[in-house]
Amino acid sequence: PRNTVYLEMNSLRPEDTAVYFCNA
């Protein structure tokens, strides 16, 4: 209903550093 997708990210690591993109 809110036309929204989420990405909950926990226990983040330095190797998670990036630009994050969503795709439909």
PDB file of all heavy atoms in Angstrom:
ATOM      1  N   PRO A   1       0.818  -1.227   0.000  1.00  0.00           N
ATOM      2  CA  PRO A   1       0.000   0.000   0.000  1.00  0.00           C
ATOM      3  C   PRO A   1       0.847   1.270   0.000  1.00  0.00           C
ATOM      4  O   PRO A   1       0.411   2.293  -0.527  1.00  0.00           O
ATOM      5  CB  PRO A   1      -0.816  -0.124   1.276  1.00  0.00           C
ATOM      6  CG  PRO A   1      -0.908  -1.579   1.524  1.00  0.00           C
ATOM      7  CD  PRO A   1       0.440  -2.118   1.091  1.00  0.00           C
ATOM      8  N   ARG A   2       2.043   1.190   0.575  1.00  0.00           N
ATOM      9  CA  ARG A   2       2.934   2.355   0.588  1.00  0.00           C
ATOM     10  C   ARG A   2       3.913   2.329  -0.579  1.00  0.00           C
ATOM     11  O   ARG A   2       4.778   3.200  -0.686  1.00  0.00           O
ATOM     12  CB  ARG A   2       3.712   2.433   1.895  1.00  0.00           C
ATOM     13  CG  ARG A   2       2.868   2.811   3.095  1.00  0.00           C
ATOM     14  CD  ARG A   2       3.749   3.181   4.291  1.00  0.00           C
ATOM     15  NE  ARG A   2       2.984   3.828   5.345  1.00  0.00           N
ATOM     16  CZ  ARG A   2       2.446   3.185   6.359  1.00  0.00           C
ATOM     17  NH1 ARG A   2       2.581   1.896   6.465  1.00  0.00           N
ATOM     18  NH2 ARG A   2       1.774   3.858   7.273  1.00  0.00           N
ATOM     19  N   ASN A   3       3.799   1.331  -1.461  1.00  0.00           N
ATOM     20  CA  ASN A   3       4.703   1.230  -2.612  1.00  0.00           C
ATOM     21  C   ASN A   3       6.167   1.302  -2.188  1.00  0.00           C
ATOM     22  O   ASN A   3       6.983   1.981  -2.844  1.00  0.00           O
ATOM     23  CB  ASN A   3       4.410   2.343  -3.629  1.00  0.00           C
ATOM     24  CG  ASN A   3       3.413   1.924  -4.676  1.00  0.00           C
ATOM     25  OD1 ASN A   3       2.723   0.924  -4.521  1.00  0.00           O
ATOM     26  ND2 ASN A   3       3.358   2.666  -5.761  1.00  0.00           N
ATOM     27  N   THR A   4       6.492   0.611  -1.114  1.00  0.00           N
ATOM     28  CA  THR A   4       7.839   0.708  -0.567  1.00  0.00           C
ATOM     29  C   THR A   4       8.409  -0.679  -0.277  1.00  0.00           C
ATOM     30  O   THR A   4       7.687  -1.557   0.219  1.00  0.00           O
ATOM     31  CB  THR A   4       7.845   1.549   0.729  1.00  0.00           C
ATOM     32  OG1 THR A   4       7.311   2.849   0.443  1.00  0.00           O
ATOM     33  CG2 THR A   4       9.248   1.704   1.282  1.00  0.00           C
ATOM     34  N   VAL A   5       9.672  -0.858  -0.587  1.00  0.00           N
ATOM     35  CA  VAL A   5      10.399  -2.059  -0.220  1.00  0.00           C
ATOM     36  C   VAL A   5      11.540  -1.639   0.698  1.00  0.00           C
ATOM     37  O   VAL A   5      12.102  -0.548   0.549  1.00  0.00           O
ATOM     38  CB  VAL A   5      10.916  -2.812  -1.458  1.00  0.00           C
ATOM     39  CG1 VAL A   5      11.923  -1.996  -2.244  1.00  0.00           C
ATOM     40  CG2 VAL A   5      11.513  -4.159  -1.072  1.00  0.00           C
ATOM     41  N   TYR A   6      11.835  -2.490   1.657  1.00  0.00           N
ATOM     42  CA  TYR A   6      12.850  -2.182   2.661  1.00  0.00           C
ATOM     43  C   TYR A   6      13.971  -3.208   2.618  1.00  0.00           C
ATOM     44  O   TYR A   6      13.782  -4.342   2.197  1.00  0.00           O
ATOM     45  CB  TYR A   6      12.229  -2.199   4.058  1.00  0.00           C
ATOM     46  CG  TYR A   6      11.063  -1.261   4.227  1.00  0.00           C
ATOM     47  CD1 TYR A   6       9.754  -1.725   4.144  1.00  0.00           C
ATOM     48  CD2 TYR A   6      11.279   0.099   4.472  1.00  0.00           C
ATOM     49  CE1 TYR A   6       8.684  -0.856   4.297  1.00  0.00           C
ATOM     50  CE2 TYR A   6      10.213   0.965   4.626  1.00  0.00           C
ATOM     51  CZ  TYR A   6       8.918   0.483   4.545  1.00  0.00           C
ATOM     52  OH  TYR A   6       7.856   1.345   4.697  1.00  0.00           O
ATOM     53  N   LEU A   7      15.127  -2.784   3.089  1.00  0.00           N
ATOM     54  CA  LEU A   7      16.227  -3.705   3.328  1.00  0.00           C
ATOM     55  C   LEU A   7      16.763  -3.400   4.719  1.00  0.00           C
ATOM     56  O   LEU A   7      17.408  -2.360   4.924  1.00  0.00           O
ATOM     57  CB  LEU A   7      17.326  -3.570   2.277  1.00  0.00           C
ATOM     58  CG  LEU A   7      18.445  -4.599   2.394  1.00  0.00           C
ATOM     59  CD1 LEU A   7      17.916  -6.012   2.068  1.00  0.00           C
ATOM     60  CD2 LEU A   7      19.615  -4.258   1.465  1.00  0.00           C
ATOM     61  N   GLU A   8      16.462  -4.279   5.656  1.00  0.00           N
ATOM     62  CA  GLU A   8      16.966  -4.158   7.016  1.00  0.00           C
ATOM     63  C   GLU A   8      18.328  -4.825   7.052  1.00  0.00           C
ATOM     64  O   GLU A   8      18.463  -6.004   6.711  1.00  0.00           O
ATOM     65  CB  GLU A   8      16.010  -4.846   7.992  1.00  0.00           C
ATOM     66  CG  GLU A   8      16.366  -4.675   9.449  1.00  0.00           C
ATOM     67  CD  GLU A   8      16.013  -3.295   9.986  1.00  0.00           C
ATOM     68  OE1 GLU A   8      14.999  -2.722   9.539  1.00  0.00           O
ATOM     69  OE2 GLU A   8      16.761  -2.796  10.839  1.00  0.00           O
ATOM     70  N   MET A   9      19.348  -4.062   7.449  1.00  0.00           N
ATOM     71  CA  MET A   9      20.720  -4.567   7.436  1.00  0.00           C
ATOM     72  C   MET A   9      21.275  -4.529   8.855  1.00  0.00           C
ATOM     73  O   MET A   9      21.355  -3.449   9.459  1.00  0.00           O
ATOM     74  CB  MET A   9      21.587  -3.719   6.504  1.00  0.00           C
ATOM     75  CG  MET A   9      21.019  -3.600   5.091  1.00  0.00           C
ATOM     76  SD  MET A   9      22.132  -2.752   3.956  1.00  0.00           S
ATOM     77  CE  MET A   9      22.180  -1.132   4.696  1.00  0.00           C
ATOM     78  N   ASN A  10      21.627  -5.677   9.358  1.00  0.00           N
ATOM     79  CA  ASN A  10      22.183  -5.802  10.700  1.00  0.00           C
ATOM     80  C   ASN A  10      23.597  -6.378  10.637  1.00  0.00           C
ATOM     81  O   ASN A  10      24.002  -6.935   9.605  1.00  0.00           O
ATOM     82  CB  ASN A  10      21.297  -6.695  11.558  1.00  0.00           C
ATOM     83  CG  ASN A  10      19.897  -6.144  11.729  1.00  0.00           C
ATOM     84  OD1 ASN A  10      19.720  -4.966  12.045  1.00  0.00           O
ATOM     85  ND2 ASN A  10      18.892  -6.974  11.517  1.00  0.00           N
ATOM     86  N   SER A  11      24.306  -6.255  11.739  1.00  0.00           N
ATOM     87  CA  SER A  11      25.673  -6.780  11.828  1.00  0.00           C
ATOM     88  C   SER A  11      26.509  -6.359  10.621  1.00  0.00           C
ATOM     89  O   SER A  11      27.181  -7.179   9.997  1.00  0.00           O
ATOM     90  CB  SER A  11      25.648  -8.309  11.944  1.00  0.00           C
ATOM     91  OG  SER A  11      24.886  -8.718  13.056  1.00  0.00           O
ATOM     92  N   LEU A  12      26.456  -5.099  10.310  1.00  0.00           N
ATOM     93  CA  LEU A  12      27.126  -4.606   9.117  1.00  0.00           C
ATOM     94  C   LEU A  12      28.632  -4.726   9.227  1.00  0.00           C
ATOM     95  O   LEU A  12      29.225  -4.573  10.307  1.00  0.00           O
ATOM     96  CB  LEU A  12      26.723  -3.158   8.854  1.00  0.00           C
ATOM     97  CG  LEU A  12      25.324  -3.013   8.230  1.00  0.00           C
ATOM     98  CD1 LEU A  12      24.802  -1.595   8.388  1.00  0.00           C
ATOM     99  CD2 LEU A  12      25.361  -3.404   6.762  1.00  0.00           C
ATOM    100  N   ARG A  13      29.243  -4.986   8.080  1.00  0.00           N
ATOM    101  CA  ARG A  13      30.693  -5.191   7.977  1.00  0.00           C
ATOM    102  C   ARG A  13      31.265  -4.174   7.009  1.00  0.00           C
ATOM    103  O   ARG A  13      30.546  -3.680   6.117  1.00  0.00           O
ATOM    104  CB  ARG A  13      30.971  -6.607   7.464  1.00  0.00           C
ATOM    105  CG  ARG A  13      30.332  -7.708   8.278  1.00  0.00           C
ATOM    106  CD  ARG A  13      30.386  -9.028   7.525  1.00  0.00           C
ATOM    107  NE  ARG A  13      29.784 -10.116   8.277  1.00  0.00           N
ATOM    108  CZ  ARG A  13      29.491 -11.304   7.757  1.00  0.00           C
ATOM    109  NH1 ARG A  13      29.776 -11.555   6.492  1.00  0.00           N
ATOM    110  NH2 ARG A  13      28.939 -12.221   8.507  1.00  0.00           N
ATOM    111  N   PRO A  14      32.549  -3.894   7.112  1.00  0.00           N
ATOM    112  CA  PRO A  14      33.158  -2.956   6.148  1.00  0.00           C
ATOM    113  C   PRO A  14      32.949  -3.393   4.694  1.00  0.00           C
ATOM    114  O   PRO A  14      32.788  -2.531   3.816  1.00  0.00           O
ATOM    115  CB  PRO A  14      34.638  -2.989   6.540  1.00  0.00           C
ATOM    116  CG  PRO A  14      34.620  -3.295   8.003  1.00  0.00           C
ATOM    117  CD  PRO A  14      33.474  -4.245   8.194  1.00  0.00           C
ATOM    118  N   GLU A  15      32.910  -4.670   4.446  1.00  0.00           N
ATOM    119  CA  GLU A  15      32.720  -5.152   3.072  1.00  0.00           C
ATOM    120  C   GLU A  15      31.293  -4.949   2.551  1.00  0.00           C
ATOM    121  O   GLU A  15      31.016  -5.208   1.385  1.00  0.00           O
ATOM    122  CB  GLU A  15      33.121  -6.628   2.940  1.00  0.00           C
ATOM    123  CG  GLU A  15      32.438  -7.563   3.916  1.00  0.00           C
ATOM    124  CD  GLU A  15      33.261  -7.846   5.158  1.00  0.00           C
ATOM    125  OE1 GLU A  15      33.950  -6.922   5.667  1.00  0.00           O
ATOM    126  OE2 GLU A  15      33.222  -9.005   5.623  1.00  0.00           O
ATOM    127  N   ASP A  16      30.391  -4.494   3.416  1.00  0.00           N
ATOM    128  CA  ASP A  16      29.048  -4.132   2.962  1.00  0.00           C
ATOM    129  C   ASP A  16      29.006  -2.720   2.386  1.00  0.00           C
ATOM    130  O   ASP A  16      27.966  -2.297   1.859  1.00  0.00           O
ATOM    131  CB  ASP A  16      28.044  -4.230   4.116  1.00  0.00           C
ATOM    132  CG  ASP A  16      27.860  -5.643   4.622  1.00  0.00           C
ATOM    133  OD1 ASP A  16      27.775  -6.571   3.800  1.00  0.00           O
ATOM    134  OD2 ASP A  16      27.808  -5.823   5.859  1.00  0.00           O
ATOM    135  N   THR A  17      30.104  -2.002   2.478  1.00  0.00           N
ATOM    136  CA  THR A  17      30.166  -0.652   1.933  1.00  0.00           C
ATOM    137  C   THR A  17      29.939  -0.672   0.428  1.00  0.00           C
ATOM    138  O   THR A  17      30.630  -1.392  -0.301  1.00  0.00           O
ATOM    139  CB  THR A  17      31.526  -0.016   2.252  1.00  0.00           C
ATOM    140  OG1 THR A  17      31.652   0.142   3.670  1.00  0.00           O
ATOM    141  CG2 THR A  17      31.673   1.338   1.576  1.00  0.00           C
ATOM    142  N   ALA A  18      28.966   0.088  -0.012  1.00  0.00           N
ATOM    143  CA  ALA A  18      28.602   0.099  -1.429  1.00  0.00           C
ATOM    144  C   ALA A  18      27.480   1.110  -1.642  1.00  0.00           C
ATOM    145  O   ALA A  18      26.889   1.613  -0.685  1.00  0.00           O
ATOM    146  CB  ALA A  18      28.127  -1.277  -1.880  1.00  0.00           C
ATOM    147  N   VAL A  19      27.198   1.367  -2.911  1.00  0.00           N
ATOM    148  CA  VAL A  19      25.956   2.049  -3.266  1.00  0.00           C
ATOM    149  C   VAL A  19      24.901   0.969  -3.462  1.00  0.00           C
ATOM    150  O   VAL A  19      25.124   0.001  -4.201  1.00  0.00           O
ATOM    151  CB  VAL A  19      26.113   2.888  -4.540  1.00  0.00           C
ATOM    152  CG1 VAL A  19      24.782   3.543  -4.905  1.00  0.00           C
ATOM    153  CG2 VAL A  19      27.194   3.948  -4.354  1.00  0.00           C
ATOM    154  N   TYR A  20      23.767   1.141  -2.786  1.00  0.00           N
ATOM    155  CA  TYR A  20      22.695   0.165  -2.851  1.00  0.00           C
ATOM    156  C   TYR A  20      21.576   0.687  -3.760  1.00  0.00           C
ATOM    157  O   TYR A  20      21.125   1.833  -3.612  1.00  0.00           O
ATOM    158  CB  TYR A  20      22.153  -0.111  -1.452  1.00  0.00           C
ATOM    159  CG  TYR A  20      23.066  -0.993  -0.641  1.00  0.00           C
ATOM    160  CD1 TYR A  20      24.290  -0.511  -0.171  1.00  0.00           C
ATOM    161  CD2 TYR A  20      22.737  -2.313  -0.359  1.00  0.00           C
ATOM    162  CE1 TYR A  20      25.154  -1.325   0.550  1.00  0.00           C
ATOM    163  CE2 TYR A  20      23.581  -3.136   0.376  1.00  0.00           C
ATOM    164  CZ  TYR A  20      24.788  -2.640   0.816  1.00  0.00           C
ATOM    165  OH  TYR A  20      25.641  -3.451   1.532  1.00  0.00           O
ATOM    166  N   PHE A  21      21.154  -0.180  -4.667  1.00  0.00           N
ATOM    167  CA  PHE A  21      20.134   0.166  -5.657  1.00  0.00           C
ATOM    168  C   PHE A  21      18.928  -0.768  -5.498  1.00  0.00           C
ATOM    169  O   PHE A  21      19.109  -1.955  -5.233  1.00  0.00           O
ATOM    170  CB  PHE A  21      20.666  -0.021  -7.075  1.00  0.00           C
ATOM    171  CG  PHE A  21      21.865   0.808  -7.417  1.00  0.00           C
ATOM    172  CD1 PHE A  21      23.142   0.350  -7.155  1.00  0.00           C
ATOM    173  CD2 PHE A  21      21.710   2.048  -8.030  1.00  0.00           C
ATOM    174  CE1 PHE A  21      24.271   1.105  -7.475  1.00  0.00           C
ATOM    175  CE2 PHE A  21      22.823   2.813  -8.368  1.00  0.00           C
ATOM    176  CZ  PHE A  21      24.094   2.342  -8.080  1.00  0.00           C
ATOM    177  N   CYS A  22      17.738  -0.239  -5.722  1.00  0.00           N
ATOM    178  CA  CYS A  22      16.594  -1.131  -5.801  1.00  0.00           C
ATOM    179  C   CYS A  22      16.145  -1.253  -7.247  1.00  0.00           C
ATOM    180  O   CYS A  22      16.372  -0.352  -8.072  1.00  0.00           O
ATOM    181  CB  CYS A  22      15.448  -0.693  -4.899  1.00  0.00           C
ATOM    182  SG  CYS A  22      14.554   0.764  -5.420  1.00  0.00           S
ATOM    183  N   ASN A  23      15.564  -2.376  -7.541  1.00  0.00           N
ATOM    184  CA  ASN A  23      15.123  -2.715  -8.884  1.00  0.00           C
ATOM    185  C   ASN A  23      13.725  -3.315  -8.815  1.00  0.00           C
ATOM    186  O   ASN A  23      13.436  -4.110  -7.924  1.00  0.00           O
ATOM    187  CB  ASN A  23      16.100  -3.711  -9.506  1.00  0.00           C
ATOM    188  CG  ASN A  23      15.606  -4.280 -10.799  1.00  0.00           C
ATOM    189  OD1 ASN A  23      14.895  -5.280 -10.830  1.00  0.00           O
ATOM    190  ND2 ASN A  23      15.977  -3.647 -11.892  1.00  0.00           N
ATOM    191  N   ALA A  24      12.878  -2.919  -9.762  1.00  0.00           N
ATOM    192  CA  ALA A  24      11.548  -3.504  -9.915  1.00  0.00           C
ATOM    193  C   ALA A  24      11.499  -4.174 -11.280  1.00  0.00           C
ATOM    194  O   ALA A  24      11.816  -3.530 -12.291  1.00  0.00           O
ATOM    195  CB  ALA A  24      10.472  -2.432  -9.810  1.00  0.00           C
TER     196      ALA A  24
END
